[in-house]
Amino acid sequence: MGRSRVQVNKAHKTRFSSKSSRNLHRTSLQDGGRIGKAEGNHVKGARAARLQRGKMLREQKRAAVLKEKRASGGSTSAPRVIVLFPLSASVDLNSLGEDVLKLLSNDDGSSSSSTVACSEYKLRATVLKAPHGDLLTCMEMAKVADLMAFVVSANSPWEENVSSFIDSFGSQCLSVLRSIGLPSTTVLIRDLPSELKKKNELKKMCASQLASEFPEDCKFYPADTRDELHKFMWLFKAQKLTVPHWRSQRPYVVTEKVGMVVSNESSGKCTLLLSGYLRARKLSVNQLVHVSGIGDFQLSELEVLKDPFPLNERKKQNSMELDDSHDEEVLRSLHPDPMKQEPLVAENTPDPLAGEQTWPTEAEMAEADRNQKQGKLKKRTLPRGMSEYQAAWIVDEIDEEDSDNGDSDDDGMVLDKEEDHFSNQDQDFEDDKETLRDVDNETYNDSEMMDDENLTREQYEDQMKKIKEAHAEDEEFPDEVETPIDQPARKRFAKYRGLKSFRTSSWDPNESLPQDYARIFAFDNLARTQKLVLKQALKMEEESRDDCVPTGSYVRLHIKEVPLVAASKLSSLVSSKPVIAFGLLQHESKMSVLHFSVKKYDGYEDPIKTKEELMFHVGFRQFVARPVFSTDNFSSDKHKMERFLHPGRFSLASVYGPISFPSLPLVVLKISEGSDAPAVAALGSLKSIEPNKIILKKIILTGYPQRVSKMKASVRYMFHNPEDVRWFKPVEVWSKCGRRGRVKEPVGTHGAMKCIFNGVVQQHDVVCMNLYKRAYPKWPERMYPQLL
């Protein structure tokens, strides 16, 4: 028999009953009361899996932080780069640099090297002093800095403005450095008074005035005495440094020594030797290397040298002995594999026969013979002295009556191929169909011919000049151009075309490309290619390969086929300016069309014209370009070209340049005539790499009504002969008072034309016609600034 159940009644809920007392009526399975689904192991397993996953993620983050800390401050890492940057000319930077080097080297600081190893702090550092007034050197130092130590002087008059501590050059450099990307920053305050109360007050005043110029985590330290510098150095050693993201994607070397090996002086080439610590990522001997300001090159050899600045004191003494004997011990030497080495390809070599027609097939030749026989059977009346071959190029003219809708376009000027003529698609014309039909049926009498038919050319030009001067005050369109009198408009504007709609009309991006487009490269899918390239670089970083050198090693790069003039310039610049060599990712040596989002620098007042020679600093790379500026449209695939870079808003700058995967910061410099130092012209960033982006140059042809009859007007001075009127007949016209219309027919022999509009035309109105042609950047005559 089964076990009998005992009835359990639910207890009455009282006001002060506890939770346990309210659950006393429930019975367990052991008592044989409640029958239900037992709590399985899957619940406990899911909870255990969540706990295990959380523990694993915490351990991974802890290991990543520990690895980063060891990589940035360990004995095997490269020395930290400290850049001392003066915010005003009153700062004595030499004394501060000597004090820091004395503190780190534990001696009198007589060593000529800017890199020191301190066993007390267990820290290696490279101290660089940014020269006040030299913008290029300050930019190069900021690109490799691990810590930007901005130095201010308390001797400056502390008024209620920031200019008391920062001068104009310091403010300009801060704007540029913020655009490039600031690493970890700090502010060192010098020349504070010895009295404690005044010292604290002045320090608070300086911090309150400068806090808005720097990031929120920037701290202010007094830096007058050795104890204050000692405190700052201990905090700097334990600080977690942050660098811009674009710097961590490519390996780079800050050069300590520069050498040359010349095998043949007649060739003008040499092997450039650059020695320094490898930073950020591993470097492969098969990679291409870019030397800042010179160009892209291949490596002939990659040597790993003995560390000249070890933290161990005994190793330090040995290194000093080696340094005295000018002998560098080579620990490892790598040579490139010709099968794996990336080729140095900058430009595409076009095939001159690529655009030629292929040899016809037999079927095509048979069809051509058949068409030729049929053409001979047809009798044609040829002009006197013309052969059959010449007649083959004549298109038979079809006599058509001039319809009211203006459908005859036999003179060659066409709109976009997806649009019909203006009169067949205009909604406003369909609304006023009856009125337009009545206007079209009217004809001019011979007595209504233009008044200037019998004028001489001088009188015609004077009359046109007077009318244009009368309308010059109302000119609001900077794209207006004048049609030349001595040249037909159909030849002067042969490359231009009309568009029904700038936003929606089609434009073939591969139509009539310039010859320079045969020298560039393009991606089918830039995002996918960039993802694969970065994934391949990350894989190389994680793997242990024989052709790679680990980060933090002291290496010597043997860069082959470097111009002798550029190498000699680098040898003289290395003592005052950092020379940077960084490894290129795949495809980054090839030329393409790069598009930058730029904004004119507020402190630069001179105009910047389109296709003007400018110096582009894109990440570590420097090159010379001649950009085309255009509006940055989000709703259209076409961009309107701008003749100048307008201040106060972002524009698109398109250039021919070496490929660099976005996003990268951009600083545009311009060298003015009579000035050796370049000025900051614009700031921005790399946006995309797209040769098919369409940039259109717009011009506006203007004419003036002579006779007006409601919605019909006789317009003159837009063209100067009737053939031009017939050529541009399919293009829509519009007026500055808001009317839209079309060209009906030419009138007379001086280029006047009859136009029909969708509303009443005013006598003082101006009739306009928009024409467009595609604009391209200009290929630079010189590519790199150090080769000038």
Foldseek 3Di string as FASTA:
>chain_A
DDDDDDDADQDDDDPPDDPVNNCPSDDDVVNVDDDDDDDDCVVVVVVVVVVVVVVVVVVVVVVVVVVLLCQQWNLLHAAAEEEEEEQDPPDPVVVLLQLLCCLQAVDNSPDPAQWAARLVLSGIYGYHYQDQPFLVQLVQSQLRHQEYEYEWELVFDLDPALCSTGPPSSVVSLVVSVLQWGKHYEYEYEDADPDPVSRVVSQVSNCVRCVVSDDVPYYYFYRYDSVRVVVVVNCVSPDNMGTDPVSLLWKKFWFPAWDWADDDVVVLWTWIKGWGFIDNFKDFLLFWKAWAQFAIFHFQKKWFWDDLHGNDPVVVVVSVVCVVVVHIHTPDMFGDDPVRRDDQAAWFDFDPCPPPDDDDDPVVVVVVVVVVVVVVVDDDDDDPPDDPVNCVPDDDDDDDDQDLQRQDQPLAADEFPVDHFDSVPDPLCVVCVVVSVVVSVDDDDPVPFDPCQPPDPVVVVVVLVVLCVVCVVVDDDPQADADDQVDFPCVVPVQKHFYPDPFPGDDDLPPPDDPRQNTADDDPDQVVVVVVQSVVSVVVRPDDDPRIDGGSTTMMTTTTGGRPLLSVVCNVCVSNHTIMMITDTPQQSYKAKWKWWKAWDPVDDDWDFAQDWKWKCWSSYIKIWRWWKWADDDSHLETETDGTRDHDHIIMTITIDGDDRDWTWIWIWDDDPPDPRTDTTITTTTDDTHSSRWYKYKHKQKWAFDDFDWQKTKTDSSGFAQSSCSNRQSFKKAKPVGWTWGWRGAGHGGGITMIGTSGGDDRGIMMMTMIIHTDDHDHDPTIGNSVD
